[in-house]
């Protein structure tokens, strides 16, 4: 009963991250934060799943490592865009749209 409540709340957190990613696409930083929100909610779901069925948590450490690499790549892209264009607004980039 309690695990299903955690499951539904984490799915709701994931869907709210998707909603923010779809609706608030003006700033690149907001998009990166919503992606990280989705990744962390999936990580917690994976962790609960592994502990509930007595699996090893080794796969969750792999997932966490890859999510950290993804977030560092996103932050480096954010720094590059701010240094190149002076803002993180996505509508500034005429070549991307």
N, C-alpha and C. Protein backbone atom coordinates (compact mmCIF):
# COMPACT_ATOMS: atom_id res chain seq x y z
N UNK A 1 0.83 -1.20 0.00
CA UNK A 1 0.00 0.00 0.00
C UNK A 1 0.87 1.25 0.00
N UNK A 2 1.87 1.26 0.88
CA UNK A 2 2.72 2.45 0.99
C UNK A 2 3.60 2.61 -0.25
N UNK A 3 4.08 1.48 -0.80
CA UNK A 3 4.92 1.55 -2.00
C UNK A 3 4.13 2.05 -3.20
N UNK A 4 2.86 1.71 -3.28
CA UNK A 4 2.06 2.20 -4.40
C UNK A 4 1.85 3.71 -4.30
N UNK A 5 1.75 4.22 -3.07
CA UNK A 5 1.62 5.66 -2.90
C UNK A 5 2.91 6.36 -3.33
N UNK A 6 4.08 5.79 -2.99
CA UNK A 6 5.34 6.33 -3.46
C UNK A 6 5.44 6.26 -4.98
N UNK A 7 5.00 5.15 -5.53
CA UNK A 7 5.05 4.97 -6.98
C UNK A 7 4.22 6.03 -7.69
N UNK A 8 2.99 6.24 -7.22
CA UNK A 8 2.12 7.23 -7.86
C UNK A 8 2.66 8.65 -7.70
N UNK A 9 3.23 8.95 -6.56
CA UNK A 9 3.78 10.29 -6.37
C UNK A 9 5.01 10.51 -7.25
N UNK A 10 5.85 9.48 -7.44
CA UNK A 10 7.01 9.63 -8.31
C UNK A 10 6.62 9.71 -9.77
N UNK A 11 5.58 8.99 -10.17
CA UNK A 11 5.08 9.12 -11.54
C UNK A 11 4.51 10.51 -11.75
N UNK A 12 3.84 11.04 -10.75
CA UNK A 12 3.32 12.41 -10.84
C UNK A 12 4.47 13.42 -10.95
N UNK A 13 5.55 13.21 -10.22
CA UNK A 13 6.72 14.09 -10.33
C UNK A 13 7.33 14.00 -11.73
N UNK A 14 7.41 12.80 -12.29
CA UNK A 14 7.93 12.65 -13.64
C UNK A 14 7.05 13.37 -14.65
N UNK A 15 5.74 13.21 -14.53
CA UNK A 15 4.83 13.85 -15.47
C UNK A 15 4.83 15.37 -15.33
N UNK A 16 5.04 15.87 -14.12
CA UNK A 16 5.15 17.32 -13.95
C UNK A 16 6.44 17.83 -14.59
N UNK A 17 7.52 17.05 -14.54
CA UNK A 17 8.74 17.43 -15.24
C UNK A 17 8.55 17.45 -16.74
N UNK A 18 7.79 16.49 -17.27
CA UNK A 18 7.48 16.47 -18.70
C UNK A 18 6.63 17.68 -19.08
N UNK A 19 5.68 18.02 -18.24
CA UNK A 19 4.81 19.17 -18.49
C UNK A 19 5.60 20.47 -18.51
N UNK A 20 6.51 20.64 -17.57
CA UNK A 20 7.35 21.85 -17.55
C UNK A 20 8.25 21.87 -18.77
N UNK A 21 8.79 20.72 -19.18
CA UNK A 21 9.65 20.67 -20.36
C UNK A 21 8.89 21.05 -21.62
N UNK A 22 7.62 20.65 -21.72
CA UNK A 22 6.83 20.94 -22.92
C UNK A 22 6.34 22.38 -22.93
N UNK A 23 5.88 22.88 -21.80
CA UNK A 23 5.23 24.19 -21.78
C UNK A 23 6.18 25.36 -21.58
N UNK A 24 7.27 25.17 -20.88
CA UNK A 24 8.19 26.28 -20.57
C UNK A 24 9.51 26.10 -21.32
N UNK A 25 9.48 26.22 -22.60
CA UNK A 25 10.68 26.00 -23.42
C UNK A 25 11.37 27.31 -23.80
N UNK A 26 11.16 28.37 -23.06
CA UNK A 26 11.78 29.65 -23.40
C UNK A 26 13.25 29.70 -23.00
N UNK A 27 13.56 29.25 -21.82
CA UNK A 27 14.92 29.30 -21.31
C UNK A 27 15.54 27.90 -21.31
N UNK A 28 16.79 27.84 -21.68
CA UNK A 28 17.51 26.57 -21.74
C UNK A 28 17.74 26.01 -20.34
N UNK A 29 17.94 26.86 -19.35
CA UNK A 29 18.17 26.42 -17.98
C UNK A 29 16.94 25.73 -17.40
N UNK A 30 15.75 26.24 -17.69
CA UNK A 30 14.52 25.62 -17.21
C UNK A 30 14.34 24.25 -17.85
N UNK A 31 14.70 24.14 -19.11
CA UNK A 31 14.60 22.84 -19.78
C UNK A 31 15.57 21.83 -19.17
N UNK A 32 16.78 22.28 -18.86
CA UNK A 32 17.75 21.38 -18.23
C UNK A 32 17.30 20.95 -16.83
N UNK A 33 16.71 21.88 -16.09
CA UNK A 33 16.24 21.54 -14.74
C UNK A 33 15.08 20.55 -14.79
N UNK A 34 14.19 20.72 -15.76
CA UNK A 34 13.08 19.77 -15.86
C UNK A 34 13.56 18.40 -16.31
N UNK A 35 14.57 18.34 -17.19
CA UNK A 35 15.15 17.06 -17.57
C UNK A 35 15.81 16.38 -16.38
N UNK A 36 16.50 17.14 -15.56
CA UNK A 36 17.14 16.57 -14.38
C UNK A 36 16.09 16.10 -13.36
N UNK A 37 15.01 16.81 -13.27
CA UNK A 37 13.90 16.42 -12.40
C UNK A 37 13.33 15.07 -12.84
N UNK A 38 13.16 14.90 -14.16
CA UNK A 38 12.65 13.64 -14.68
C UNK A 38 13.65 12.51 -14.43
N UNK A 39 14.93 12.77 -14.63
CA UNK A 39 15.95 11.74 -14.43
C UNK A 39 16.01 11.31 -12.97
N UNK A 40 15.93 12.25 -12.05
CA UNK A 40 15.98 11.90 -10.64
C UNK A 40 14.74 11.14 -10.17
N UNK A 41 13.58 11.48 -10.72
CA UNK A 41 12.39 10.72 -10.34
C UNK A 41 12.47 9.29 -10.87
N UNK A 42 13.02 9.10 -12.07
CA UNK A 42 13.22 7.74 -12.59
C UNK A 42 14.24 6.99 -11.74
N UNK A 43 15.27 7.69 -11.27
CA UNK A 43 16.27 7.05 -10.42
C UNK A 43 15.66 6.55 -9.12
N UNK A 44 14.83 7.35 -8.50
CA UNK A 44 14.21 6.94 -7.24
C UNK A 44 13.24 5.78 -7.49
N UNK A 45 12.52 5.81 -8.63
CA UNK A 45 11.65 4.68 -8.98
C UNK A 45 12.46 3.41 -9.17
N UNK A 46 13.59 3.51 -9.84
CA UNK A 46 14.46 2.35 -10.05
C UNK A 46 15.02 1.83 -8.72
N UNK A 47 15.37 2.74 -7.84
CA UNK A 47 15.89 2.35 -6.54
C UNK A 47 14.83 1.62 -5.71
N UNK A 48 13.60 2.15 -5.70
CA UNK A 48 12.52 1.48 -4.98
C UNK A 48 12.21 0.12 -5.59
N UNK A 49 12.25 0.03 -6.90
CA UNK A 49 11.99 -1.24 -7.57
C UNK A 49 13.05 -2.27 -7.21
N UNK A 50 14.30 -1.86 -7.18
CA UNK A 50 15.38 -2.79 -6.84
C UNK A 50 15.31 -3.23 -5.39
N UNK A 51 14.95 -2.35 -4.50
CA UNK A 51 14.87 -2.74 -3.09
C UNK A 51 13.63 -3.56 -2.79
N UNK A 52 12.56 -3.34 -3.53
CA UNK A 52 11.34 -4.10 -3.28
C UNK A 52 11.49 -5.56 -3.69
N UNK A 53 12.19 -5.81 -4.78
CA UNK A 53 12.35 -7.18 -5.28
C UNK A 53 13.70 -7.79 -4.92
N UNK A 54 14.40 -7.20 -3.98
CA UNK A 54 15.67 -7.72 -3.47
C UNK A 54 16.74 -7.85 -4.56
N UNK A 55 16.74 -6.94 -5.51
CA UNK A 55 17.77 -6.92 -6.54
C UNK A 55 18.97 -6.15 -6.03
N UNK A 56 20.06 -6.29 -6.74
CA UNK A 56 21.24 -5.49 -6.42
C UNK A 56 21.00 -4.04 -6.85
N UNK A 57 21.54 -3.11 -6.12
CA UNK A 57 21.41 -1.70 -6.47
C UNK A 57 22.54 -1.23 -7.36
N UNK A 58 23.26 -2.17 -7.93
CA UNK A 58 24.39 -1.83 -8.79
C UNK A 58 23.94 -1.13 -10.06
N UNK A 59 22.82 -1.56 -10.62
CA UNK A 59 22.30 -0.94 -11.85
C UNK A 59 21.88 0.51 -11.58
N UNK A 60 21.39 0.79 -10.39
CA UNK A 60 20.99 2.16 -10.08
C UNK A 60 22.21 3.07 -9.98
N UNK A 61 23.35 2.53 -9.58
CA UNK A 61 24.58 3.33 -9.54
C UNK A 61 25.06 3.65 -10.96
N UNK A 62 24.90 2.70 -11.88
CA UNK A 62 25.21 2.98 -13.28
C UNK A 62 24.31 4.10 -13.82
N UNK A 63 23.03 4.02 -13.50
CA UNK A 63 22.08 5.02 -13.97
C UNK A 63 22.41 6.39 -13.38
N UNK A 64 22.76 6.42 -12.12
CA UNK A 64 23.12 7.69 -11.48
C UNK A 64 24.38 8.27 -12.10
N UNK A 65 25.35 7.42 -12.44
CA UNK A 65 26.58 7.89 -13.08
C UNK A 65 26.29 8.50 -14.44
N UNK A 66 25.46 7.84 -15.23
CA UNK A 66 25.13 8.38 -16.54
C UNK A 66 24.31 9.66 -16.45
N UNK A 67 23.45 9.76 -15.44
CA UNK A 67 22.67 10.99 -15.29
C UNK A 67 23.55 12.16 -14.87
N UNK A 68 24.59 11.91 -14.06
CA UNK A 68 25.53 12.97 -13.70
C UNK A 68 26.31 13.42 -14.92
N UNK A 69 26.71 12.48 -15.77
CA UNK A 69 27.41 12.85 -17.01
C UNK A 69 26.50 13.66 -17.92
N UNK A 70 25.23 13.30 -17.99
CA UNK A 70 24.28 14.04 -18.81
C UNK A 70 24.08 15.45 -18.28
N UNK A 71 23.99 15.60 -16.98
CA UNK A 71 23.78 16.94 -16.43
C UNK A 71 25.02 17.82 -16.59
N UNK A 72 26.21 17.25 -16.48
CA UNK A 72 27.42 18.05 -16.69
C UNK A 72 27.55 18.47 -18.15
N UNK A 73 27.14 17.62 -19.06
CA UNK A 73 27.14 17.99 -20.48
C UNK A 73 26.15 19.11 -20.75
N UNK A 74 24.98 19.04 -20.13
CA UNK A 74 23.98 20.09 -20.30
C UNK A 74 24.44 21.42 -19.73
N UNK A 75 25.10 21.40 -18.58
CA UNK A 75 25.60 22.64 -17.99
C UNK A 75 26.74 23.24 -18.82
N UNK A 76 27.57 22.38 -19.42
CA UNK A 76 28.62 22.92 -20.29
C UNK A 76 28.03 23.53 -21.54
N UNK A 77 26.96 22.93 -22.07
CA UNK A 77 26.27 23.55 -23.21
C UNK A 77 25.63 24.87 -22.83
N UNK A 78 25.10 24.96 -21.62
CA UNK A 78 24.51 26.21 -21.15
C UNK A 78 25.57 27.30 -21.04
N UNK A 79 26.73 26.97 -20.50
CA UNK A 79 27.82 27.95 -20.39
C UNK A 79 28.28 28.40 -21.78
N UNK A 80 28.38 27.45 -22.70
CA UNK A 80 28.78 27.79 -24.07
C UNK A 80 27.78 28.71 -24.75
N UNK A 81 26.50 28.44 -24.57
CA UNK A 81 25.47 29.28 -25.19
C UNK A 81 25.43 30.67 -24.58
N UNK A 82 25.61 30.76 -23.26
CA UNK A 82 25.59 32.08 -22.62
C UNK A 82 26.82 32.89 -23.03
N UNK A 83 27.97 32.23 -23.14
CA UNK A 83 29.17 32.96 -23.57
C UNK A 83 29.09 33.37 -25.04
N UNK A 84 28.45 32.57 -25.87
CA UNK A 84 28.37 32.88 -27.29
C UNK A 84 27.31 33.93 -27.59
N UNK A 85 26.12 33.77 -27.01
CA UNK A 85 24.99 34.63 -27.35
C UNK A 85 24.62 35.63 -26.27
N UNK A 86 25.08 35.43 -25.05
CA UNK A 86 24.79 36.37 -23.98
C UNK A 86 23.50 36.10 -23.24
N UNK A 87 22.77 35.08 -23.62
CA UNK A 87 21.51 34.76 -22.96
C UNK A 87 21.21 33.27 -23.15
N UNK A 88 20.28 32.77 -22.34
CA UNK A 88 19.89 31.38 -22.51
C UNK A 88 18.49 31.25 -23.12
N UNK A 89 17.99 32.33 -23.67
CA UNK A 89 16.70 32.28 -24.36
C UNK A 89 16.83 31.48 -25.64
N UNK A 90 15.93 30.55 -25.85
CA UNK A 90 16.03 29.69 -27.02
C UNK A 90 15.56 30.37 -28.31
N UNK A 91 14.78 31.41 -28.21
CA UNK A 91 14.29 32.07 -29.40
C UNK A 91 15.37 32.95 -30.07
N UNK A 92 16.48 33.17 -29.39
CA UNK A 92 17.56 33.97 -29.95
C UNK A 92 18.27 33.23 -31.07
N UNK A 93 18.32 31.91 -30.97
CA UNK A 93 19.08 31.10 -31.90
C UNK A 93 18.29 30.90 -33.18
N UNK A 94 18.52 31.75 -34.18
CA UNK A 94 17.80 31.64 -35.44
C UNK A 94 18.23 30.41 -36.22
N UNK A 95 19.45 29.96 -36.04
CA UNK A 95 19.92 28.81 -36.80
C UNK A 95 19.33 27.50 -36.29
N UNK A 96 18.82 27.47 -35.06
CA UNK A 96 18.26 26.23 -34.51
C UNK A 96 16.79 26.04 -34.89
N UNK A 97 16.07 27.10 -35.19
CA UNK A 97 14.63 26.95 -35.48
C UNK A 97 14.36 27.07 -36.93
